[in-house]
Amino acid sequence: MSRLARVIRLAAALLVGALCLAPPLAAAQTAANAQTAGSAAPATPPAAMPPAGIAPRTAQPIQPPPPGLADRTDYMIGPGDVLQVFVWRNPDLSATVPVRPDGRISTPLVEDMVAVGKTPSQLARDVEKVLGEYVRSPQVNVIVTQPMSTFSQVKVVGQVLHPQVIPYREGLTVLDAILASGGLGQFAAGNRSKLVRMVDGKQVEIKLKIANLVNDGDMKQNVPLKPGDVLVVPESRF
């Protein structure tokens, strides 16, 4: 074989070797580039997704307790009532306290505040003003948990079988009070009865025909009662 032929065969063998080595080298270079990019910017794991059919849970804000039956716009706080003073997001300032005989209450940071003669909402606003000196934007809710004062009672007097004081409850009516007192007495002048009520600091009398209510079912006389009402059934005249 001539020298020229040997040179041509050697060059052909080198070319075939180079073509065989090109794919592995390219793959190695690609892997190296990917590793470098991964070290420079680590991948962020995907956010955990809830199982199918289950909605993601969201945080719910804390709400103050609902107002009680005695937390009414027309309810007047009196001595002996037990109050729950709830300060939202400040449990250390919340307390359950009685109204003292002097008509005042004391809670954390609030000393000797007058409560008698106020509605729960009015008292809550007054407590907020005092707490505003210590707490930013306080939110207060006052609930009468045990209405024990005379302001939370209804009195039935006169010609009924059992004159008495009835604890007020939501929905109490004249008929409820008469039945709780045993009904009209033998000498009662039911149709000359009256309901004595305090409205804006003034005494108001409402005339009632309780005999027509009890005997004839005249439901127009079945007036809803309010705390502090006095139901008077006079004696008949001979």
Protein backbone atom coordinates (compact mmCIF):
# COMPACT_ATOMS: atom_id res chain seq x y z
CA MET A 1 0.00 0.00 0.00
CA SER A 2 1.36 3.33 -0.94
CA ARG A 3 2.00 6.06 1.59
CA LEU A 4 -0.80 8.20 0.16
CA ALA A 5 -3.34 5.41 0.70
CA ARG A 6 -2.28 4.96 4.30
CA VAL A 7 -2.74 8.67 4.99
CA ILE A 8 -6.22 8.64 3.46
CA ARG A 9 -7.26 5.59 5.57
CA LEU A 10 -5.96 7.22 8.80
CA ALA A 11 -7.88 10.44 8.12
CA ALA A 12 -11.08 8.48 7.48
CA ALA A 13 -10.69 6.59 10.76
CA LEU A 14 -10.20 9.86 12.69
CA LEU A 15 -13.32 11.37 11.11
CA VAL A 16 -15.47 8.36 12.05
CA GLY A 17 -14.21 8.54 15.68
CA ALA A 18 -15.04 12.20 15.96
CA LEU A 19 -18.58 11.62 14.70
CA CYS A 20 -19.14 8.86 17.28
CA LEU A 21 -17.97 11.02 20.21
CA ALA A 22 -20.06 14.12 19.33
CA PRO A 23 -23.49 13.01 20.80
CA PRO A 24 -22.15 12.00 24.27
CA LEU A 25 -20.17 15.24 24.53
CA ALA A 26 -23.24 17.31 23.59
CA ALA A 27 -25.38 15.51 26.18
CA ALA A 28 -22.75 16.01 28.87
CA GLN A 29 -22.53 19.72 28.04
CA THR A 30 -26.34 20.09 28.25
CA ALA A 31 -26.45 18.38 31.66
CA ALA A 32 -23.65 20.60 32.92
CA ASN A 33 -25.50 23.72 31.77
CA ALA A 34 -28.74 22.56 33.49
CA GLN A 35 -26.88 21.86 36.76
CA THR A 36 -25.31 25.32 36.66
CA ALA A 37 -28.67 27.00 36.08
CA GLY A 38 -30.26 24.99 38.91
CA SER A 39 -27.59 26.01 41.41
CA ALA A 40 -27.94 29.65 40.43
CA ALA A 41 -31.77 29.76 40.82
CA PRO A 42 -33.17 26.96 43.07
CA ALA A 43 -36.58 25.73 42.03
CA THR A 44 -39.51 26.87 44.21
CA PRO A 45 -41.65 23.94 45.36
CA PRO A 46 -45.27 24.20 44.21
CA ALA A 47 -47.83 25.36 46.78
CA ALA A 48 -49.71 22.58 48.50
CA MET A 49 -53.14 22.17 46.99
CA PRO A 50 -56.13 20.87 48.99
CA PRO A 51 -57.64 17.52 47.97
CA ALA A 52 -60.21 17.58 45.22
CA GLY A 53 -63.66 18.63 46.42
CA ILE A 54 -62.40 20.40 49.58
CA ALA A 55 -62.35 24.21 49.58
CA PRO A 56 -59.29 25.90 51.11
CA ARG A 57 -59.82 27.11 54.67
CA THR A 58 -59.57 30.80 55.43
CA ALA A 59 -59.04 32.46 58.79
CA GLN A 60 -62.27 33.65 60.39
CA PRO A 61 -62.30 36.88 62.46
CA ILE A 62 -63.27 36.64 66.12
CA GLN A 63 -66.72 38.07 66.72
CA PRO A 64 -68.15 39.36 69.97
CA PRO A 65 -70.84 37.34 71.58
CA PRO A 66 -74.37 37.93 70.46
CA PRO A 67 -76.51 40.26 72.59
CA GLY A 68 -78.75 38.67 75.19
CA LEU A 69 -82.46 39.14 75.69
CA ALA A 70 -81.88 41.97 78.12
CA ASP A 71 -79.59 43.81 75.70
CA ARG A 72 -82.44 45.94 74.35
CA THR A 73 -82.60 49.58 73.38
CA ASP A 74 -85.39 50.20 75.92
CA TYR A 75 -83.94 48.15 78.80
CA MET A 76 -82.70 50.26 81.69
CA ILE A 77 -79.94 48.86 83.88
CA GLY A 78 -80.72 48.83 87.59
CA PRO A 79 -79.12 47.85 90.92
CA GLY A 80 -78.64 44.10 91.28
CA ASP A 81 -78.32 43.40 87.55
CA VAL A 82 -75.37 41.25 86.54
CA LEU A 83 -73.52 42.58 83.50
CA GLN A 84 -71.04 40.97 81.16
CA VAL A 85 -68.67 43.64 79.86
CA PHE A 86 -66.98 42.18 76.78
CA VAL A 87 -64.00 44.01 75.25
CA TRP A 88 -63.23 42.60 71.81
CA ARG A 89 -59.70 41.20 71.45
CA ASN A 90 -58.91 42.18 75.05
CA PRO A 91 -59.99 39.30 77.31
CA ASP A 92 -58.01 40.75 80.22
CA LEU A 93 -60.29 43.79 80.17
CA SER A 94 -63.52 41.78 79.94
CA ALA A 95 -65.42 40.99 83.13
CA THR A 96 -68.76 39.91 84.56
CA VAL A 97 -69.77 42.27 87.35
CA PRO A 98 -72.88 43.10 89.39
CA VAL A 99 -74.37 46.57 89.57
CA ARG A 100 -73.72 47.70 93.12
CA PRO A 101 -76.41 49.26 95.33
CA ASP A 102 -74.87 52.65 94.58
CA GLY A 103 -75.63 52.05 90.88
CA ARG A 104 -72.01 51.77 89.77
CA ILE A 105 -69.75 49.07 88.34
CA SER A 106 -66.00 48.53 88.28
CA THR A 107 -64.06 46.64 85.61
CA PRO A 108 -60.33 46.52 84.72
CA LEU A 109 -59.19 50.10 83.98
CA VAL A 110 -62.74 51.39 84.57
CA GLU A 111 -63.56 52.31 88.17
CA ASP A 112 -66.88 53.37 89.68
CA MET A 113 -68.76 54.03 86.45
CA VAL A 114 -72.46 54.84 86.79
CA ALA A 115 -74.55 52.09 85.19
CA VAL A 116 -78.04 52.63 86.64
CA GLY A 117 -80.46 54.36 84.32
CA LYS A 118 -78.45 53.56 81.18
CA THR A 119 -79.20 51.09 78.42
CA PRO A 120 -76.57 48.41 77.72
CA SER A 121 -75.55 50.26 74.55
CA GLN A 122 -75.14 53.56 76.37
CA LEU A 123 -73.01 51.94 79.06
CA ALA A 124 -70.87 50.23 76.40
CA ARG A 125 -70.14 53.57 74.72
CA ASP A 126 -69.19 55.14 78.08
CA VAL A 127 -66.81 52.26 78.83
CA GLU A 128 -65.25 52.68 75.37
CA LYS A 129 -64.49 56.34 76.11
CA VAL A 130 -62.58 55.44 79.27
CA LEU A 131 -60.74 52.49 77.70
CA GLY A 132 -59.81 54.71 74.74
CA GLU A 133 -57.14 56.27 76.97
CA TYR A 134 -55.39 52.90 77.24
CA VAL A 135 -56.50 50.83 74.21
CA ARG A 136 -56.65 51.86 70.60
CA SER A 137 -60.23 51.87 69.22
CA PRO A 138 -61.81 49.58 71.86
CA GLN A 139 -65.03 47.78 70.97
CA VAL A 140 -67.24 47.01 73.97
CA ASN A 141 -70.45 45.01 74.26
CA VAL A 142 -72.49 45.03 77.49
CA ILE A 143 -74.91 42.14 78.08
CA VAL A 144 -77.33 41.90 81.01
CA THR A 145 -76.92 38.24 81.91
CA GLN A 146 -79.09 38.35 85.05
CA PRO A 147 -81.74 41.10 85.14
CA MET A 148 -82.42 41.32 88.87
CA SER A 149 -83.34 44.96 89.45
CA THR A 150 -86.79 46.47 89.83
CA PHE A 151 -86.26 47.94 86.37
CA SER A 152 -86.50 44.40 84.98
CA GLN A 153 -89.74 43.49 86.73
CA VAL A 154 -93.46 43.92 86.07
CA LYS A 155 -95.78 44.56 89.02
CA VAL A 156 -99.42 43.42 89.09
CA VAL A 157 -101.45 45.09 91.86
CA GLY A 158 -105.09 45.56 92.81
CA GLN A 159 -107.96 43.13 92.35
CA VAL A 160 -106.18 40.00 91.18
CA LEU A 161 -106.00 36.76 93.14
CA HIS A 162 -102.26 36.98 93.75
CA PRO A 163 -100.78 40.49 93.42
CA GLN A 164 -97.11 39.99 92.77
CA VAL A 165 -93.93 41.03 91.04
CA ILE A 166 -93.23 39.12 87.81
CA PRO A 167 -89.71 38.88 86.34
CA TYR A 168 -89.74 40.46 82.91
CA ARG A 169 -89.05 38.30 79.89
CA GLU A 170 -89.14 38.95 76.18
CA GLY A 171 -92.68 38.75 74.79
CA LEU A 172 -94.47 39.17 78.13
CA THR A 173 -98.04 40.51 77.66
CA VAL A 174 -100.91 41.75 79.83
CA LEU A 175 -102.69 38.39 79.55
CA ASP A 176 -99.54 36.57 80.66
CA ALA A 177 -99.28 38.79 83.73
CA ILE A 178 -102.96 38.40 84.67
CA LEU A 179 -102.85 34.61 84.33
CA ALA A 180 -99.61 34.45 86.34
CA SER A 181 -101.39 36.42 89.09
CA GLY A 182 -104.31 33.97 89.24
CA GLY A 183 -106.78 35.96 87.18
CA LEU A 184 -109.18 38.76 88.12
CA GLY A 185 -110.55 38.91 91.64
CA GLN A 186 -114.24 38.68 92.59
CA PHE A 187 -114.62 42.43 92.96
CA ALA A 188 -112.34 43.50 90.12
CA ALA A 189 -113.36 46.24 87.74
CA GLY A 190 -111.32 44.76 84.91
CA ASN A 191 -112.45 47.20 82.24
CA ARG A 192 -111.13 50.13 84.27
CA SER A 193 -107.63 48.74 84.51
CA LYS A 194 -104.60 50.75 83.56
CA LEU A 195 -100.97 50.21 82.71
CA VAL A 196 -98.53 52.66 84.28
CA ARG A 197 -95.29 53.07 82.30
CA MET A 198 -92.33 55.42 82.37
CA VAL A 199 -91.59 56.98 78.98
CA ASP A 200 -88.67 59.42 78.67
CA GLY A 201 -88.76 60.03 82.40
CA LYS A 202 -92.50 60.77 82.45
CA GLN A 203 -95.28 58.58 83.81
CA VAL A 204 -97.81 57.49 81.17
CA GLU A 205 -101.09 55.66 81.82
CA ILE A 206 -102.60 53.29 79.26
CA LYS A 207 -106.26 52.35 79.78
CA LEU A 208 -107.10 48.66 79.39
CA LYS A 209 -110.31 46.60 79.37
CA ILE A 210 -108.90 43.46 80.92
CA ALA A 211 -112.37 41.97 81.60
CA ASN A 212 -113.06 41.99 77.87
CA LEU A 213 -109.65 40.40 77.30
CA VAL A 214 -110.17 37.61 79.82
CA ASN A 215 -113.88 36.94 79.30
CA ASP A 216 -114.43 37.78 75.62
CA GLY A 217 -110.98 37.27 74.13
CA ASP A 218 -110.56 40.89 73.01
CA MET A 219 -106.89 40.59 71.98
CA LYS A 220 -106.64 44.32 71.29
CA GLN A 221 -106.24 44.69 75.07
CA ASN A 222 -103.33 42.25 75.18
CA VAL A 223 -100.65 44.93 75.18
CA PRO A 224 -96.96 43.88 75.23
CA LEU A 225 -95.33 44.74 78.54
CA LYS A 226 -91.99 46.42 79.15
CA PRO A 227 -89.58 46.29 82.08
CA GLY A 228 -90.78 48.45 84.96
CA ASP A 229 -94.47 48.41 83.97
CA VAL A 230 -97.13 48.43 86.70
CA LEU A 231 -100.48 46.82 85.90
CA VAL A 232 -103.28 48.17 88.12
CA VAL A 233 -106.67 46.43 88.41
CA PRO A 234 -109.07 48.60 90.49
CA GLU A 235 -111.95 47.46 92.65
CA SER A 236 -115.49 47.77 91.29
CA ARG A 237 -117.76 50.53 92.65
CA PHE A 238 -121.06 49.66 94.27
